[in-house]
Amino acid sequence: MKKMKWNVLMLALATMLGFTSCLDGEDNSNILSYNEIVKVDNLTGLYVSQLGYKVAPLNSEDLKDVPMSSGYIQLFYSYDYTQDMSGGKIDATILGYSPINEGLWMPQAPGEADANAPVMAVNTSYDNSLYYFYKLNDLFLPLSFFVRKDADMSDMKEREAEMATHQFTLYYTDEDFSAEGMTLNLRHKLLNVAEDDKFTQSSGAWLHFNINDALNRYGEIYSKRPDKITVSYEQNARDNSYAEDSVSVRTVELNYKSIMEAHDQISGNK
């Protein structure tokens, strides 16, 4: 069951957001499905949406062994919208999930020692930037990259063992800031690489970065929050080498102004 649910989400859900109808037979139109990143509440075993409600899995046993290293998880679930939700809790059936790994953060310019492998892509293909944030300070990036050819990424334990050898870090300096926004530089470093390791299998993962430090520094300079956040990264879609004809610097842009506006609406400030 866990292998199936992990395979359901992987990176495909990077293109999904929000509610969809989920008809269990033609007569049941009370079921909605929803896909979002939620925060893990270890005390209650519930999952907290940034909208304020909590998701209570009806099949929680399917999540008990899922690694929660970042404190967040992406859930795809269905629920009956006619249930009593006045207490701020939704009883839901988990249809799929994606673990979220923790990224690193450095207030400095990236150097040659900070990376030894490009990535395939940063897959922010959905136009709504809200999908990649939890409230204001937590950024989530869906990445694709090469892993060892013999790693079984559909097996959760093997996946976590492989992910432990991939280090993803966001860097910034004051020179990366402008009045319109700020640029964060993503770098990928392989750890514990053996001579016979072959990185020929493409895979992907969600990475969490708390960007509070960069936002605070930006505020010190410009006395406001940025309107946009740009992520710059080194791309090689062929392999994980730095071959001159294969690597290029790419960027993705997120509308942070819309994140602030959505947060104000959620919190009731507007």
C-alpha atoms as a PDB file:
ATOM      1  CA  MET A   1       0.000   0.000   0.000  1.00  0.00           C
ATOM      2  CA  LYS A   2       2.735   2.468   0.904  1.00  0.00           C
ATOM      3  CA  LYS A   3       4.592   1.857  -2.359  1.00  0.00           C
ATOM      4  CA  MET A   4       1.395   2.450  -4.325  1.00  0.00           C
ATOM      5  CA  LYS A   5       0.570   5.681  -2.523  1.00  0.00           C
ATOM      6  CA  TRP A   6       4.094   7.026  -2.898  1.00  0.00           C
ATOM      7  CA  ASN A   7       4.066   6.316  -6.616  1.00  0.00           C
ATOM      8  CA  VAL A   8       0.713   8.065  -6.980  1.00  0.00           C
ATOM      9  CA  LEU A   9       2.128  11.462  -6.049  1.00  0.00           C
ATOM     10  CA  MET A  10       5.826  11.637  -6.883  1.00  0.00           C
ATOM     11  CA  LEU A  11       6.137  14.728  -9.111  1.00  0.00           C
ATOM     12  CA  ALA A  12       2.884  14.420 -10.998  1.00  0.00           C
ATOM     13  CA  LEU A  13       1.039  16.399  -8.370  1.00  0.00           C
ATOM     14  CA  ALA A  14       3.305  19.370  -8.998  1.00  0.00           C
ATOM     15  CA  THR A  15       0.767  20.293 -11.672  1.00  0.00           C
ATOM     16  CA  MET A  16      -2.300  20.010  -9.433  1.00  0.00           C
ATOM     17  CA  LEU A  17      -3.884  22.354  -6.927  1.00  0.00           C
ATOM     18  CA  GLY A  18      -7.173  22.595  -5.135  1.00  0.00           C
ATOM     19  CA  PHE A  19     -10.440  20.802  -5.273  1.00  0.00           C
ATOM     20  CA  THR A  20     -11.615  18.304  -7.838  1.00  0.00           C
ATOM     21  CA  SER A  21     -14.778  16.253  -7.916  1.00  0.00           C
ATOM     22  CA  CYS A  22     -14.274  12.669  -6.846  1.00  0.00           C
ATOM     23  CA  LEU A  23     -17.296  10.592  -7.715  1.00  0.00           C
ATOM     24  CA  ASP A  24     -17.377   7.145  -6.137  1.00  0.00           C
ATOM     25  CA  GLY A  25     -19.991   5.922  -8.540  1.00  0.00           C
ATOM     26  CA  GLU A  26     -22.496   8.150 -10.297  1.00  0.00           C
ATOM     27  CA  ASP A  27     -24.743   8.587  -7.239  1.00  0.00           C
ATOM     28  CA  ASN A  28     -22.180  10.009  -4.795  1.00  0.00           C
ATOM     29  CA  SER A  29     -21.427  13.666  -5.460  1.00  0.00           C
ATOM     30  CA  ASN A  30     -20.630  14.552  -1.835  1.00  0.00           C
ATOM     31  CA  ILE A  31     -16.987  13.516  -2.122  1.00  0.00           C
ATOM     32  CA  LEU A  32     -14.305  16.059  -2.967  1.00  0.00           C
ATOM     33  CA  SER A  33     -10.596  15.454  -3.372  1.00  0.00           C
ATOM     34  CA  TYR A  34      -7.902  17.917  -2.396  1.00  0.00           C
ATOM     35  CA  ASN A  35      -4.145  18.119  -2.749  1.00  0.00           C
ATOM     36  CA  GLU A  36      -2.028  20.305  -0.488  1.00  0.00           C
ATOM     37  CA  ILE A  37       1.080  20.557   1.640  1.00  0.00           C
ATOM     38  CA  VAL A  38       0.240  20.241   5.331  1.00  0.00           C
ATOM     39  CA  LYS A  39       2.165  20.545   8.583  1.00  0.00           C
ATOM     40  CA  VAL A  40       2.553  17.465  10.764  1.00  0.00           C
ATOM     41  CA  ASP A  41       1.136  17.758  14.287  1.00  0.00           C
ATOM     42  CA  ASN A  42       3.031  15.056  16.150  1.00  0.00           C
ATOM     43  CA  LEU A  43       1.005  15.482  19.344  1.00  0.00           C
ATOM     44  CA  THR A  44      -2.388  14.782  17.798  1.00  0.00           C
ATOM     45  CA  GLY A  45      -1.433  12.744  14.722  1.00  0.00           C
ATOM     46  CA  LEU A  46      -3.352  15.248  12.586  1.00  0.00           C
ATOM     47  CA  TYR A  47      -2.171  17.327   9.629  1.00  0.00           C
ATOM     48  CA  VAL A  48      -2.626  21.099   9.734  1.00  0.00           C
ATOM     49  CA  SER A  49      -3.598  23.009   6.597  1.00  0.00           C
ATOM     50  CA  GLN A  50      -2.409  26.584   6.188  1.00  0.00           C
ATOM     51  CA  LEU A  51      -6.103  27.407   5.885  1.00  0.00           C
ATOM     52  CA  GLY A  52      -6.438  26.550   9.575  1.00  0.00           C
ATOM     53  CA  TYR A  53      -8.308  23.255   9.623  1.00  0.00           C
ATOM     54  CA  LYS A  54      -6.857  19.849  10.502  1.00  0.00           C
ATOM     55  CA  VAL A  55      -6.984  16.686   8.408  1.00  0.00           C
ATOM     56  CA  ALA A  56      -7.741  13.503  10.368  1.00  0.00           C
ATOM     57  CA  PRO A  57      -6.873  10.452   8.221  1.00  0.00           C
ATOM     58  CA  LEU A  58      -9.391   7.620   8.361  1.00  0.00           C
ATOM     59  CA  ASN A  59      -6.616   5.299   7.137  1.00  0.00           C
ATOM     60  CA  SER A  60      -3.807   6.696   9.292  1.00  0.00           C
ATOM     61  CA  GLU A  61      -2.022   3.324   9.333  1.00  0.00           C
ATOM     62  CA  ASP A  62      -0.936   4.011   5.755  1.00  0.00           C
ATOM     63  CA  LEU A  63       1.109   6.980   6.967  1.00  0.00           C
ATOM     64  CA  LYS A  64       2.651   5.655  10.175  1.00  0.00           C
ATOM     65  CA  ASP A  65       6.026   4.731   8.629  1.00  0.00           C
ATOM     66  CA  VAL A  66       6.328   7.684   6.266  1.00  0.00           C
ATOM     67  CA  PRO A  67       9.421   9.807   7.092  1.00  0.00           C
ATOM     68  CA  MET A  68       8.529  13.281   8.365  1.00  0.00           C
ATOM     69  CA  SER A  69      12.013  14.800   8.462  1.00  0.00           C
ATOM     70  CA  SER A  70      10.870  18.265   7.427  1.00  0.00           C
ATOM     71  CA  GLY A  71       7.719  18.370   9.549  1.00  0.00           C
ATOM     72  CA  TYR A  72       5.615  18.661   6.380  1.00  0.00           C
ATOM     73  CA  ILE A  73       4.034  16.260   3.920  1.00  0.00           C
ATOM     74  CA  GLN A  74       2.077  16.588   0.706  1.00  0.00           C
ATOM     75  CA  LEU A  75      -1.292  14.855   0.975  1.00  0.00           C
ATOM     76  CA  PHE A  76      -3.839  13.927  -1.646  1.00  0.00           C
ATOM     77  CA  TYR A  77      -7.088  13.045   0.103  1.00  0.00           C
ATOM     78  CA  SER A  78     -10.836  12.816  -0.338  1.00  0.00           C
ATOM     79  CA  TYR A  79     -13.567  13.733   2.117  1.00  0.00           C
ATOM     80  CA  ASP A  80     -17.319  14.064   2.396  1.00  0.00           C
ATOM     81  CA  TYR A  81     -18.059  17.788   2.417  1.00  0.00           C
ATOM     82  CA  THR A  82     -21.441  17.198   4.114  1.00  0.00           C
ATOM     83  CA  GLN A  83     -19.754  16.056   7.340  1.00  0.00           C
ATOM     84  CA  ASP A  84     -19.752  18.315  10.407  1.00  0.00           C
ATOM     85  CA  MET A  85     -16.575  20.405  10.091  1.00  0.00           C
ATOM     86  CA  SER A  86     -17.542  23.090  12.615  1.00  0.00           C
ATOM     87  CA  GLY A  87     -14.745  21.956  14.948  1.00  0.00           C
ATOM     88  CA  GLY A  88     -12.073  22.681  12.359  1.00  0.00           C
ATOM     89  CA  LYS A  89     -11.361  19.000  11.619  1.00  0.00           C
ATOM     90  CA  ILE A  90     -11.906  17.014   8.430  1.00  0.00           C
ATOM     91  CA  ASP A  91     -12.169  13.225   8.427  1.00  0.00           C
ATOM     92  CA  ALA A  92     -10.478  12.226   5.187  1.00  0.00           C
ATOM     93  CA  THR A  93      -9.268   9.199   3.272  1.00  0.00           C
ATOM     94  CA  ILE A  94      -5.642   9.512   2.185  1.00  0.00           C
ATOM     95  CA  LEU A  95      -5.318   8.648  -1.500  1.00  0.00           C
ATOM     96  CA  GLY A  96      -1.640   9.471  -1.899  1.00  0.00           C
ATOM     97  CA  TYR A  97       1.259  11.300  -0.351  1.00  0.00           C
ATOM     98  CA  SER A  98       4.718  12.621  -1.036  1.00  0.00           C
ATOM     99  CA  PRO A  99       7.366  12.890   1.698  1.00  0.00           C
ATOM    100  CA  ILE A 100       9.098  16.261   1.899  1.00  0.00           C
ATOM    101  CA  ASN A 101      12.811  16.401   2.631  1.00  0.00           C
ATOM    102  CA  GLU A 102      14.577  19.214   4.443  1.00  0.00           C
ATOM    103  CA  GLY A 103      16.843  21.537   2.493  1.00  0.00           C
ATOM    104  CA  LEU A 104      19.723  23.613   3.858  1.00  0.00           C
ATOM    105  CA  TRP A 105      20.077  27.377   4.001  1.00  0.00           C
ATOM    106  CA  MET A 106      23.172  29.596   3.748  1.00  0.00           C
ATOM    107  CA  PRO A 107      23.449  33.436   3.781  1.00  0.00           C
ATOM    108  CA  GLN A 108      26.458  33.518   1.466  1.00  0.00           C
ATOM    109  CA  ALA A 109      27.368  33.227  -2.183  1.00  0.00           C
ATOM    110  CA  PRO A 110      27.638  29.608  -3.406  1.00  0.00           C
ATOM    111  CA  GLY A 111      31.161  28.433  -4.200  1.00  0.00           C
ATOM    112  CA  GLU A 112      32.588  25.534  -6.166  1.00  0.00           C
ATOM    113  CA  ALA A 113      32.778  23.363  -3.041  1.00  0.00           C
ATOM    114  CA  ASP A 114      29.052  23.809  -2.427  1.00  0.00           C
ATOM    115  CA  ALA A 115      27.937  21.747  -5.429  1.00  0.00           C
ATOM    116  CA  ASN A 116      29.127  18.814  -7.498  1.00  0.00           C
ATOM    117  CA  ALA A 117      25.996  17.965  -9.500  1.00  0.00           C
ATOM    118  CA  PRO A 118      23.413  19.999 -11.411  1.00  0.00           C
ATOM    119  CA  VAL A 119      19.713  19.151 -11.250  1.00  0.00           C
ATOM    120  CA  MET A 120      17.381  18.203 -14.073  1.00  0.00           C
ATOM    121  CA  ALA A 121      14.721  20.784 -13.274  1.00  0.00           C
ATOM    122  CA  VAL A 122      12.813  22.782 -10.703  1.00  0.00           C
ATOM    123  CA  ASN A 123       9.265  21.789 -11.559  1.00  0.00           C
ATOM    124  CA  THR A 124       7.223  24.861 -10.645  1.00  0.00           C
ATOM    125  CA  SER A 125       4.881  24.354 -13.573  1.00  0.00           C
ATOM    126  CA  TYR A 126       1.699  25.426 -11.820  1.00  0.00           C
ATOM    127  CA  ASP A 127       0.889  29.128 -12.214  1.00  0.00           C
ATOM    128  CA  ASN A 128      -0.472  29.584  -8.689  1.00  0.00           C
ATOM    129  CA  SER A 129       2.560  30.309  -6.489  1.00  0.00           C
ATOM    130  CA  LEU A 130       0.495  29.539  -3.380  1.00  0.00           C
ATOM    131  CA  TYR A 131       1.066  25.872  -4.138  1.00  0.00           C
ATOM    132  CA  TYR A 132       4.751  26.215  -3.265  1.00  0.00           C
ATOM    133  CA  PHE A 133       4.367  27.941   0.092  1.00  0.00           C
ATOM    134  CA  TYR A 134       3.040  27.201   3.546  1.00  0.00           C
ATOM    135  CA  LYS A 135       2.029  30.580   4.923  1.00  0.00           C
ATOM    136  CA  LEU A 136       4.772  33.167   4.330  1.00  0.00           C
ATOM    137  CA  ASN A 137       8.132  31.743   5.340  1.00  0.00           C
ATOM    138  CA  ASP A 138       8.178  28.130   4.160  1.00  0.00           C
ATOM    139  CA  LEU A 139       9.066  27.444   0.532  1.00  0.00           C
ATOM    140  CA  PHE A 140       8.650  24.042  -1.146  1.00  0.00           C
ATOM    141  CA  LEU A 141      10.408  23.144  -4.373  1.00  0.00           C
ATOM    142  CA  PRO A 142       9.662  20.032  -6.456  1.00  0.00           C
ATOM    143  CA  LEU A 143      13.000  18.976  -7.924  1.00  0.00           C
ATOM    144  CA  SER A 144      14.024  16.341 -10.440  1.00  0.00           C
ATOM    145  CA  PHE A 145      17.594  15.013 -10.476  1.00  0.00           C
ATOM    146  CA  PHE A 146      19.676  11.911 -11.107  1.00  0.00           C
ATOM    147  CA  VAL A 147      20.099   9.199  -8.459  1.00  0.00           C
ATOM    148  CA  ARG A 148      22.091   5.975  -8.316  1.00  0.00           C
ATOM    149  CA  LYS A 149      20.941   3.508 -10.946  1.00  0.00           C
ATOM    150  CA  ASP A 150      20.385   0.682  -8.441  1.00  0.00           C
ATOM    151  CA  ALA A 151      18.347   2.729  -5.924  1.00  0.00           C
ATOM    152  CA  ASP A 152      14.740   1.557  -5.676  1.00  0.00           C
ATOM    153  CA  MET A 153      13.039   4.927  -5.256  1.00  0.00           C
ATOM    154  CA  SER A 154       9.610   3.314  -4.952  1.00  0.00           C
ATOM    155  CA  ASP A 155      10.714   1.669  -1.692  1.00  0.00           C
ATOM    156  CA  MET A 156      10.497   4.218   1.119  1.00  0.00           C
ATOM    157  CA  LYS A 157      13.533   2.991   3.076  1.00  0.00           C
ATOM    158  CA  GLU A 158      15.736   2.841  -0.004  1.00  0.00           C
ATOM    159  CA  ARG A 159      14.482   6.229  -1.081  1.00  0.00           C
ATOM    160  CA  GLU A 160      15.407   7.813   2.240  1.00  0.00           C
ATOM    161  CA  ALA A 161      18.838   6.162   2.189  1.00  0.00           C
ATOM    162  CA  GLU A 162      19.477   7.604  -1.268  1.00  0.00           C
ATOM    163  CA  MET A 163      18.096  11.039  -0.346  1.00  0.00           C
ATOM    164  CA  ALA A 164      20.479  11.189   2.622  1.00  0.00           C
ATOM    165  CA  THR A 165      23.324  11.413   0.103  1.00  0.00           C
ATOM    166  CA  HIS A 166      21.795  14.368  -1.769  1.00  0.00           C
ATOM    167  CA  GLN A 167      22.265  17.782  -0.206  1.00  0.00           C
ATOM    168  CA  PHE A 168      20.208  20.705  -1.524  1.00  0.00           C
ATOM    169  CA  THR A 169      21.012  24.202  -0.334  1.00  0.00           C
ATOM    170  CA  LEU A 170      19.656  27.688  -1.028  1.00  0.00           C
ATOM    171  CA  TYR A 171      22.157  30.552  -0.901  1.00  0.00           C
ATOM    172  CA  TYR A 172      21.724  34.325  -1.047  1.00  0.00           C
ATOM    173  CA  THR A 173      23.656  37.567  -0.661  1.00  0.00           C
ATOM    174  CA  ASP A 174      22.593  41.214  -0.592  1.00  0.00           C
ATOM    175  CA  GLU A 175      23.591  41.432  -4.263  1.00  0.00           C
ATOM    176  CA  ASP A 176      20.793  38.984  -5.042  1.00  0.00           C
ATOM    177  CA  PHE A 177      18.174  41.492  -3.843  1.00  0.00           C
ATOM    178  CA  SER A 178      16.482  44.296  -5.777  1.00  0.00           C
ATOM    179  CA  ALA A 179      13.501  46.548  -5.135  1.00  0.00           C
ATOM    180  CA  GLU A 180      11.316  44.154  -7.153  1.00  0.00           C
ATOM    181  CA  GLY A 181      12.368  40.909  -5.509  1.00  0.00           C
ATOM    182  CA  MET A 182      15.100  38.548  -4.466  1.00  0.00           C
ATOM    183  CA  THR A 183      16.993  35.680  -6.065  1.00  0.00           C
ATOM    184  CA  LEU A 184      17.832  32.481  -4.193  1.00  0.00           C
ATOM    185  CA  ASN A 185      20.535  30.211  -5.619  1.00  0.00           C
ATOM    186  CA  LEU A 186      19.903  26.459  -5.440  1.00  0.00           C
ATOM    187  CA  ARG A 187      22.850  24.065  -5.357  1.00  0.00           C
ATOM    188  CA  HIS A 188      23.008  20.253  -5.284  1.00  0.00           C
ATOM    189  CA  LYS A 189      25.824  18.286  -3.675  1.00  0.00           C
ATOM    190  CA  LEU A 190      26.301  14.501  -3.734  1.00  0.00           C
ATOM    191  CA  LEU A 191      27.689  12.944  -0.562  1.00  0.00           C
ATOM    192  CA  ASN A 192      29.507   9.650   0.012  1.00  0.00           C
ATOM    193  CA  VAL A 193      30.030   8.956  -3.681  1.00  0.00           C
ATOM    194  CA  ALA A 194      31.788   5.671  -4.417  1.00  0.00           C
ATOM    195  CA  GLU A 195      33.993   5.224  -7.469  1.00  0.00           C
ATOM    196  CA  ASP A 196      31.584   2.760  -9.084  1.00  0.00           C
ATOM    197  CA  ASP A 197      28.384   4.764  -8.401  1.00  0.00           C
ATOM    198  CA  LYS A 198      26.406   5.470 -11.575  1.00  0.00           C
ATOM    199  CA  PHE A 199      23.865   8.290 -11.434  1.00  0.00           C
ATOM    200  CA  THR A 200      21.757   7.365 -14.436  1.00  0.00           C
ATOM    201  CA  GLN A 201      18.271   7.078 -12.933  1.00  0.00           C
ATOM    202  CA  SER A 202      16.030  10.152 -13.001  1.00  0.00           C
ATOM    203  CA  SER A 203      13.964  10.779  -9.896  1.00  0.00           C
ATOM    204  CA  GLY A 204      12.492  13.614  -7.889  1.00  0.00           C
ATOM    205  CA  ALA A 205      11.585  14.937  -4.473  1.00  0.00           C
ATOM    206  CA  TRP A 206       9.992  17.856  -2.690  1.00  0.00           C
ATOM    207  CA  LEU A 207      12.403  20.006  -0.658  1.00  0.00           C
ATOM    208  CA  HIS A 208      11.441  22.364   2.155  1.00  0.00           C
ATOM    209  CA  PHE A 209      13.326  25.588   2.836  1.00  0.00           C
ATOM    210  CA  ASN A 210      12.501  28.059   5.594  1.00  0.00           C
ATOM    211  CA  ILE A 211      13.342  31.418   4.000  1.00  0.00           C
ATOM    212  CA  ASN A 212      12.667  33.594   7.042  1.00  0.00           C
ATOM    213  CA  ASP A 213      16.304  34.767   7.284  1.00  0.00           C
ATOM    214  CA  ALA A 214      16.371  35.971   3.676  1.00  0.00           C
ATOM    215  CA  LEU A 215      13.008  37.711   4.047  1.00  0.00           C
ATOM    216  CA  ASN A 216      14.185  39.472   7.190  1.00  0.00           C
ATOM    217  CA  ARG A 217      17.393  40.609   5.494  1.00  0.00           C
ATOM    218  CA  TYR A 218      15.426  41.838   2.498  1.00  0.00           C
ATOM    219  CA  GLY A 219      13.165  43.800   4.843  1.00  0.00           C
ATOM    220  CA  GLU A 220      16.164  45.405   6.517  1.00  0.00           C
ATOM    221  CA  ILE A 221      17.317  46.727   3.125  1.00  0.00           C
ATOM    222  CA  TYR A 222      14.013  47.651   1.454  1.00  0.00           C
ATOM    223  CA  SER A 223      11.596  47.963   4.420  1.00  0.00           C
ATOM    224  CA  LYS A 224       9.123  45.646   2.719  1.00  0.00           C
ATOM    225  CA  ARG A 225       8.640  42.110   1.477  1.00  0.00           C
ATOM    226  CA  PRO A 226       9.675  41.168  -2.094  1.00  0.00           C
ATOM    227  CA  ASP A 227       7.068  41.113  -4.843  1.00  0.00           C
ATOM    228  CA  LYS A 228       8.694  38.092  -6.433  1.00  0.00           C
ATOM    229  CA  ILE A 229      11.133  35.342  -5.518  1.00  0.00           C
ATOM    230  CA  THR A 230      13.380  33.898  -8.209  1.00  0.00           C
ATOM    231  CA  VAL A 231      15.152  30.557  -7.798  1.00  0.00           C
ATOM    232  CA  SER A 232      18.296  30.191  -9.891  1.00  0.00           C
ATOM    233  CA  TYR A 233      19.741  26.722 -10.452  1.00  0.00           C
ATOM    234  CA  GLU A 234      22.264  24.798 -12.550  1.00  0.00           C
ATOM    235  CA  GLN A 235      20.543  22.456 -14.994  1.00  0.00           C
ATOM    236  CA  ASN A 236      21.738  19.399 -16.856  1.00  0.00           C
ATOM    237  CA  ALA A 237      18.915  17.264 -18.225  1.00  0.00           C
ATOM    238  CA  ARG A 238      21.304  14.627 -19.655  1.00  0.00           C
ATOM    239  CA  ASP A 239      23.329  13.527 -16.631  1.00  0.00           C
ATOM    240  CA  ASN A 240      24.780  14.901 -13.402  1.00  0.00           C
ATOM    241  CA  SER A 241      28.052  16.154 -14.896  1.00  0.00           C
ATOM    242  CA  TYR A 242      29.284  19.683 -15.482  1.00  0.00           C
ATOM    243  CA  ALA A 243      30.099  19.081 -19.125  1.00  0.00           C
ATOM    244  CA  GLU A 244      30.372  22.520 -20.705  1.00  0.00           C
ATOM    245  CA  ASP A 245      27.856  21.865 -23.474  1.00  0.00           C
ATOM    246  CA  SER A 246      25.279  20.333 -21.109  1.00  0.00           C
ATOM    247  CA  VAL A 247      24.934  22.770 -18.193  1.00  0.00           C
ATOM    248  CA  SER A 248      22.974  25.993 -18.209  1.00  0.00           C
ATOM    249  CA  VAL A 249      21.724  28.373 -15.539  1.00  0.00           C
ATOM    250  CA  ARG A 250      17.933  28.416 -15.355  1.00  0.00           C
ATOM    251  CA  THR A 251      15.477  30.335 -13.208  1.00  0.00           C
ATOM    252  CA  VAL A 252      11.916  29.953 -12.010  1.00  0.00           C
ATOM    253  CA  GLU A 253       9.912  32.874 -10.685  1.00  0.00           C
ATOM    254  CA  LEU A 254       7.296  32.803  -7.926  1.00  0.00           C
ATOM    255  CA  ASN A 255       4.776  35.560  -7.347  1.00  0.00           C
ATOM    256  CA  TYR A 256       5.373  36.312  -3.675  1.00  0.00           C
ATOM    257  CA  LYS A 257       3.036  39.290  -3.722  1.00  0.00           C
ATOM    258  CA  SER A 258       0.150  36.892  -4.360  1.00  0.00           C
ATOM    259  CA  ILE A 259       1.315  34.796  -1.390  1.00  0.00           C
ATOM    260  CA  MET A 260       1.101  37.813   0.900  1.00  0.00           C
ATOM    261  CA  GLU A 261      -2.345  38.741  -0.449  1.00  0.00           C
ATOM    262  CA  ALA A 262      -3.637  35.179   0.046  1.00  0.00           C
ATOM    263  CA  HIS A 263      -2.197  35.073   3.581  1.00  0.00           C
ATOM    264  CA  ASP A 264      -3.975  38.343   4.437  1.00  0.00           C
ATOM    265  CA  GLN A 265      -7.263  36.863   3.241  1.00  0.00           C
ATOM    266  CA  ILE A 266      -6.749  33.646   5.197  1.00  0.00           C
ATOM    267  CA  SER A 267      -5.790  35.462   8.377  1.00  0.00           C
ATOM    268  CA  GLY A 268      -8.601  37.990   8.029  1.00  0.00           C
ATOM    269  CA  ASN A 269      -6.323  41.008   7.697  1.00  0.00           C
ATOM    270  CA  LYS A 270      -8.236  42.120   4.592  1.00  0.00           C
END
